[in-house]
N, C-alpha and C. Protein backbone atom coordinates (compact mmCIF):
# COMPACT_ATOMS: atom_id res chain seq x y z
N MET A 1 28.77 8.51 -5.47
CA MET A 1 28.48 9.82 -6.16
C MET A 1 27.55 9.42 -7.31
N GLY A 2 26.58 10.23 -7.42
CA GLY A 2 25.61 10.09 -8.57
C GLY A 2 26.00 10.74 -9.78
N PRO A 3 24.92 10.56 -10.82
CA PRO A 3 25.21 11.12 -11.93
C PRO A 3 25.27 12.69 -12.07
N PRO A 4 25.82 13.37 -12.97
CA PRO A 4 25.96 14.83 -12.83
C PRO A 4 24.47 15.61 -13.10
N VAL A 5 24.41 16.62 -12.68
CA VAL A 5 23.17 17.32 -12.72
C VAL A 5 22.95 17.93 -14.15
N GLY A 6 22.07 17.83 -14.80
CA GLY A 6 21.60 18.24 -16.07
C GLY A 6 21.40 19.83 -16.24
N HIS A 7 22.09 20.69 -15.79
CA HIS A 7 21.85 22.04 -15.53
C HIS A 7 21.09 22.64 -16.94
N LYS A 8 21.47 22.34 -18.03
CA LYS A 8 20.73 22.87 -19.38
C LYS A 8 19.37 22.34 -19.46
N LEU A 9 19.12 21.04 -19.00
CA LEU A 9 17.81 20.37 -19.02
C LEU A 9 17.02 21.15 -17.92
N ASN A 10 17.45 21.52 -16.75
CA ASN A 10 16.84 22.23 -15.77
C ASN A 10 16.42 23.59 -16.18
N GLN A 11 17.36 24.25 -16.74
CA GLN A 11 17.03 25.53 -17.24
C GLN A 11 16.08 25.69 -18.36
N ASN A 12 15.96 24.61 -19.28
CA ASN A 12 15.12 24.51 -20.28
C ASN A 12 13.65 24.34 -19.65
N ALA A 13 13.68 23.63 -18.57
CA ALA A 13 12.24 23.35 -17.82
C ALA A 13 11.97 24.54 -17.19
N LEU A 14 12.75 25.24 -16.69
CA LEU A 14 12.39 26.60 -15.93
C LEU A 14 12.08 27.49 -17.18
N ASP A 15 12.67 27.66 -18.19
CA ASP A 15 12.39 28.61 -19.17
C ASP A 15 10.82 28.15 -19.91
N ASN A 16 10.58 26.89 -19.91
CA ASN A 16 9.31 26.56 -20.42
C ASN A 16 8.16 26.89 -19.52
N LEU A 17 8.53 26.74 -18.02
CA LEU A 17 7.51 26.95 -16.91
C LEU A 17 7.20 28.21 -16.99
N SER A 18 8.36 29.08 -17.11
CA SER A 18 8.04 30.76 -17.15
C SER A 18 7.31 31.13 -18.32
N ALA A 19 7.53 30.55 -19.52
CA ALA A 19 6.74 30.90 -20.66
C ALA A 19 5.33 30.50 -20.56
N ALA A 20 4.75 29.39 -19.84
CA ALA A 20 3.65 29.08 -19.66
C ALA A 20 2.89 29.83 -18.43
N TRP A 21 3.51 30.12 -17.49
CA TRP A 21 3.02 30.83 -16.34
C TRP A 21 4.15 31.77 -15.87
N PRO A 22 3.93 33.06 -16.41
CA PRO A 22 4.97 34.20 -16.24
C PRO A 22 5.04 34.41 -14.74
N VAL A 23 4.30 34.09 -13.78
CA VAL A 23 4.46 34.27 -12.30
C VAL A 23 5.68 33.62 -12.05
N PHE A 24 6.24 32.68 -12.58
CA PHE A 24 7.55 32.02 -12.39
C PHE A 24 8.82 32.70 -12.95
N ARG A 25 8.48 33.62 -13.69
CA ARG A 25 9.60 34.42 -14.40
C ARG A 25 10.94 34.66 -13.57
N ASP A 26 10.71 35.09 -12.40
CA ASP A 26 11.86 35.50 -11.58
C ASP A 26 12.30 34.37 -10.51
N VAL A 27 11.81 33.23 -10.76
CA VAL A 27 12.26 32.15 -10.06
C VAL A 27 13.63 31.70 -10.32
N GLN A 28 14.33 31.43 -9.25
CA GLN A 28 15.73 30.92 -9.50
C GLN A 28 15.81 29.57 -8.70
N VAL A 29 16.55 28.70 -9.29
CA VAL A 29 16.95 27.40 -8.82
C VAL A 29 18.09 27.51 -7.61
N ALA A 30 17.54 27.14 -6.47
CA ALA A 30 18.47 27.24 -5.32
C ALA A 30 19.31 26.09 -4.98
N TRP A 31 18.75 24.95 -5.67
CA TRP A 31 19.53 23.55 -5.31
C TRP A 31 19.29 22.77 -6.45
N SER A 32 20.16 21.87 -6.94
CA SER A 32 19.90 20.81 -7.88
C SER A 32 20.51 19.41 -7.43
N TRP A 33 19.92 18.43 -7.72
CA TRP A 33 20.46 17.20 -7.41
C TRP A 33 19.99 16.19 -8.68
N ALA A 34 20.83 15.26 -8.92
CA ALA A 34 20.60 14.18 -9.76
C ALA A 34 20.70 12.82 -9.22
N GLY A 35 19.97 11.91 -9.52
CA GLY A 35 20.07 10.44 -9.11
C GLY A 35 19.63 9.52 -10.13
N MET A 36 19.88 8.25 -9.73
CA MET A 36 19.44 7.10 -10.42
C MET A 36 17.94 7.01 -10.49
N ILE A 37 17.39 6.56 -11.69
CA ILE A 37 15.94 6.12 -11.77
C ILE A 37 15.85 4.61 -12.08
N ASP A 38 15.22 3.92 -11.40
CA ASP A 38 15.12 2.40 -11.79
C ASP A 38 13.71 2.36 -12.81
N VAL A 39 14.33 2.04 -13.96
CA VAL A 39 13.19 1.79 -15.02
C VAL A 39 13.64 0.61 -15.93
N THR A 40 12.61 0.02 -16.31
CA THR A 40 12.73 -1.13 -17.34
C THR A 40 13.04 -0.74 -18.74
N PRO A 41 13.29 -1.69 -19.58
CA PRO A 41 13.49 -1.22 -21.09
C PRO A 41 12.12 -0.93 -21.57
N ASN A 42 10.90 -1.45 -21.20
CA ASN A 42 9.81 -0.93 -21.71
C ASN A 42 8.82 -0.19 -20.85
N SER A 43 9.59 0.33 -19.81
CA SER A 43 8.84 1.37 -18.96
C SER A 43 7.84 0.81 -17.92
N ASN A 44 7.52 -0.39 -18.22
CA ASN A 44 6.58 -1.06 -17.18
C ASN A 44 7.45 -1.63 -16.03
N PRO A 45 6.71 -1.44 -14.77
CA PRO A 45 7.53 -2.00 -13.75
C PRO A 45 7.59 -3.60 -13.72
N VAL A 46 8.34 -4.21 -12.91
CA VAL A 46 8.52 -5.74 -12.65
C VAL A 46 7.58 -6.01 -11.46
N ILE A 47 6.55 -6.81 -11.62
CA ILE A 47 5.79 -7.36 -10.31
C ILE A 47 5.62 -8.87 -10.64
N GLY A 48 6.36 -9.57 -9.73
CA GLY A 48 6.06 -11.08 -9.83
C GLY A 48 7.28 -11.81 -9.35
N PRO A 49 7.27 -13.13 -9.50
CA PRO A 49 8.26 -13.94 -9.16
C PRO A 49 9.45 -14.10 -10.18
N VAL A 50 10.55 -14.27 -9.69
CA VAL A 50 11.80 -14.65 -10.43
C VAL A 50 11.95 -16.04 -10.66
N ALA A 51 11.90 -16.67 -11.59
CA ALA A 51 11.88 -18.28 -11.76
C ALA A 51 13.38 -18.57 -11.44
N GLN A 52 14.26 -17.88 -11.71
CA GLN A 52 15.69 -18.48 -11.59
C GLN A 52 15.95 -18.47 -9.93
N LEU A 53 15.15 -17.88 -9.13
CA LEU A 53 15.33 -17.96 -7.55
C LEU A 53 14.15 -18.02 -6.89
N ALA A 54 14.00 -19.37 -6.74
CA ALA A 54 12.66 -19.89 -6.10
C ALA A 54 12.31 -19.00 -4.80
N GLY A 55 11.15 -18.58 -4.78
CA GLY A 55 10.51 -18.01 -3.65
C GLY A 55 10.92 -16.33 -3.63
N LEU A 56 11.59 -15.89 -4.61
CA LEU A 56 11.92 -14.53 -4.81
C LEU A 56 10.74 -13.80 -5.62
N THR A 57 10.05 -12.78 -5.18
CA THR A 57 9.10 -11.89 -5.83
C THR A 57 9.73 -10.57 -5.73
N VAL A 58 9.60 -9.89 -6.90
CA VAL A 58 10.21 -8.51 -6.97
C VAL A 58 9.08 -7.68 -7.34
N VAL A 59 9.11 -6.24 -6.85
CA VAL A 59 8.34 -5.26 -7.15
C VAL A 59 9.14 -4.09 -7.31
N THR A 60 9.61 -3.69 -8.62
CA THR A 60 10.52 -2.75 -8.83
C THR A 60 10.42 -2.05 -10.31
N GLY A 61 11.21 -1.04 -10.38
CA GLY A 61 11.09 -0.39 -11.68
C GLY A 61 10.12 0.63 -12.06
N PHE A 62 9.58 1.41 -11.05
CA PHE A 62 8.53 2.23 -11.08
C PHE A 62 8.99 3.61 -11.65
N SER A 63 10.34 3.94 -11.64
CA SER A 63 10.91 5.17 -11.99
C SER A 63 10.19 6.47 -11.43
N GLY A 64 9.98 6.38 -10.13
CA GLY A 64 9.26 7.53 -9.46
C GLY A 64 7.86 7.37 -9.46
N HIS A 65 7.15 6.42 -9.98
CA HIS A 65 5.65 6.42 -9.83
C HIS A 65 5.30 5.48 -8.94
N GLY A 66 6.13 4.95 -8.13
CA GLY A 66 5.75 3.98 -7.15
C GLY A 66 4.64 4.58 -6.04
N PHE A 67 4.76 5.84 -5.79
CA PHE A 67 3.86 6.32 -4.78
C PHE A 67 2.28 6.29 -5.23
N GLY A 68 2.19 6.52 -6.44
CA GLY A 68 0.74 6.49 -6.96
C GLY A 68 0.35 5.18 -7.29
N THR A 69 1.23 4.21 -7.67
CA THR A 69 0.75 2.95 -8.09
C THR A 69 1.07 1.88 -7.13
N SER A 70 1.57 2.21 -5.99
CA SER A 70 2.02 1.12 -4.81
C SER A 70 0.72 0.32 -4.44
N PRO A 71 -0.36 0.86 -4.14
CA PRO A 71 -1.42 0.07 -3.72
C PRO A 71 -1.88 -0.96 -4.78
N ALA A 72 -1.84 -0.80 -5.80
CA ALA A 72 -2.20 -1.70 -6.94
C ALA A 72 -1.12 -2.63 -7.19
N ALA A 73 0.06 -2.25 -7.07
CA ALA A 73 1.24 -3.11 -7.30
C ALA A 73 1.18 -4.06 -6.13
N GLY A 74 1.07 -3.57 -4.97
CA GLY A 74 1.18 -4.45 -3.71
C GLY A 74 0.02 -5.44 -3.76
N GLN A 75 -1.14 -5.30 -4.33
CA GLN A 75 -2.10 -6.17 -4.37
C GLN A 75 -1.84 -7.29 -5.39
N LEU A 76 -1.31 -6.75 -6.64
CA LEU A 76 -0.91 -7.73 -7.64
C LEU A 76 0.14 -8.56 -7.14
N ALA A 77 1.06 -8.02 -6.35
CA ALA A 77 2.28 -8.88 -5.86
C ALA A 77 1.80 -9.83 -4.77
N ALA A 78 0.88 -9.41 -3.98
CA ALA A 78 0.19 -10.33 -2.99
C ALA A 78 -0.52 -11.50 -3.59
N GLU A 79 -1.34 -11.14 -4.56
CA GLU A 79 -2.25 -12.23 -5.34
C GLU A 79 -1.30 -13.26 -5.93
N LEU A 80 -0.09 -12.67 -6.53
CA LEU A 80 0.80 -13.70 -7.24
C LEU A 80 1.40 -14.54 -6.09
N ILE A 81 1.89 -13.82 -4.94
CA ILE A 81 2.56 -14.72 -3.99
C ILE A 81 1.63 -15.75 -3.28
N CYS A 82 0.35 -15.44 -3.21
CA CYS A 82 -0.72 -16.17 -2.45
C CYS A 82 -1.25 -17.21 -3.40
N ASN A 83 -0.98 -17.14 -4.80
CA ASN A 83 -1.44 -18.01 -5.87
C ASN A 83 -3.09 -17.70 -6.00
N THR A 84 -3.47 -16.65 -5.86
CA THR A 84 -4.95 -16.34 -6.09
C THR A 84 -5.02 -15.71 -7.34
N THR A 85 -6.31 -15.78 -7.95
CA THR A 85 -6.47 -15.07 -9.41
C THR A 85 -6.40 -13.56 -9.25
N PRO A 86 -5.37 -13.07 -9.89
CA PRO A 86 -5.06 -11.59 -9.93
C PRO A 86 -6.28 -10.91 -10.44
N LEU A 87 -6.48 -9.48 -9.90
CA LEU A 87 -7.51 -8.80 -10.38
C LEU A 87 -7.20 -8.22 -11.80
N VAL A 88 -5.88 -8.12 -12.10
CA VAL A 88 -5.51 -7.68 -13.42
C VAL A 88 -4.62 -8.72 -14.08
N ASN A 89 -4.44 -8.50 -15.48
CA ASN A 89 -3.63 -9.60 -16.05
C ASN A 89 -2.09 -9.14 -15.73
N PRO A 90 -1.38 -10.00 -15.20
CA PRO A 90 0.01 -9.83 -14.68
C PRO A 90 1.00 -9.89 -15.67
N ASP A 91 0.68 -10.38 -16.88
CA ASP A 91 1.80 -10.69 -18.01
C ASP A 91 2.60 -9.40 -18.34
N PRO A 92 1.90 -8.22 -18.55
CA PRO A 92 2.84 -7.12 -18.86
C PRO A 92 3.89 -6.65 -17.57
N TYR A 93 3.66 -7.30 -16.62
CA TYR A 93 4.54 -6.93 -15.37
C TYR A 93 5.63 -7.99 -15.06
N LEU A 94 5.36 -9.19 -15.51
CA LEU A 94 6.29 -10.43 -15.18
C LEU A 94 7.79 -10.14 -15.57
N PHE A 95 8.72 -10.56 -14.66
CA PHE A 95 10.01 -10.51 -14.94
C PHE A 95 10.35 -11.38 -16.16
N SER A 96 9.59 -12.40 -16.34
CA SER A 96 9.81 -13.30 -17.49
C SER A 96 9.72 -12.64 -18.86
N ARG A 97 9.02 -11.68 -18.97
CA ARG A 97 8.97 -11.06 -20.30
C ARG A 97 10.17 -10.46 -20.74
N PHE A 98 11.20 -10.56 -20.14
CA PHE A 98 12.56 -10.16 -20.66
C PHE A 98 13.46 -11.23 -21.04
N ALA A 99 12.93 -12.65 -20.69
CA ALA A 99 13.61 -13.76 -21.19
C ALA A 99 13.64 -13.85 -22.65
N ALA A 100 14.82 -14.51 -23.02
CA ALA A 100 15.03 -14.68 -24.53
C ALA A 100 14.26 -15.82 -25.00
């Protein structure tokens, strides 16, 4: 069982939509769903190795943005796995950034 649907939040979004675009004034929500979103404390995904588990590389924490960023994330992950020079600086995405 997932989290409860935020009906007030959904209605607020619909009210804002209708205010911005009156064509949506008579729209009614037919169905609502709520689910978990994977997100990190700083909202950047994790892309790279996990030192505590040799051989494990993770690519996660996109909170719904994976569809748009997956080609670049996949390239960075492959570069890190293959020990090639990454096209971008991987530091903002490394799991180790959360180490104390």
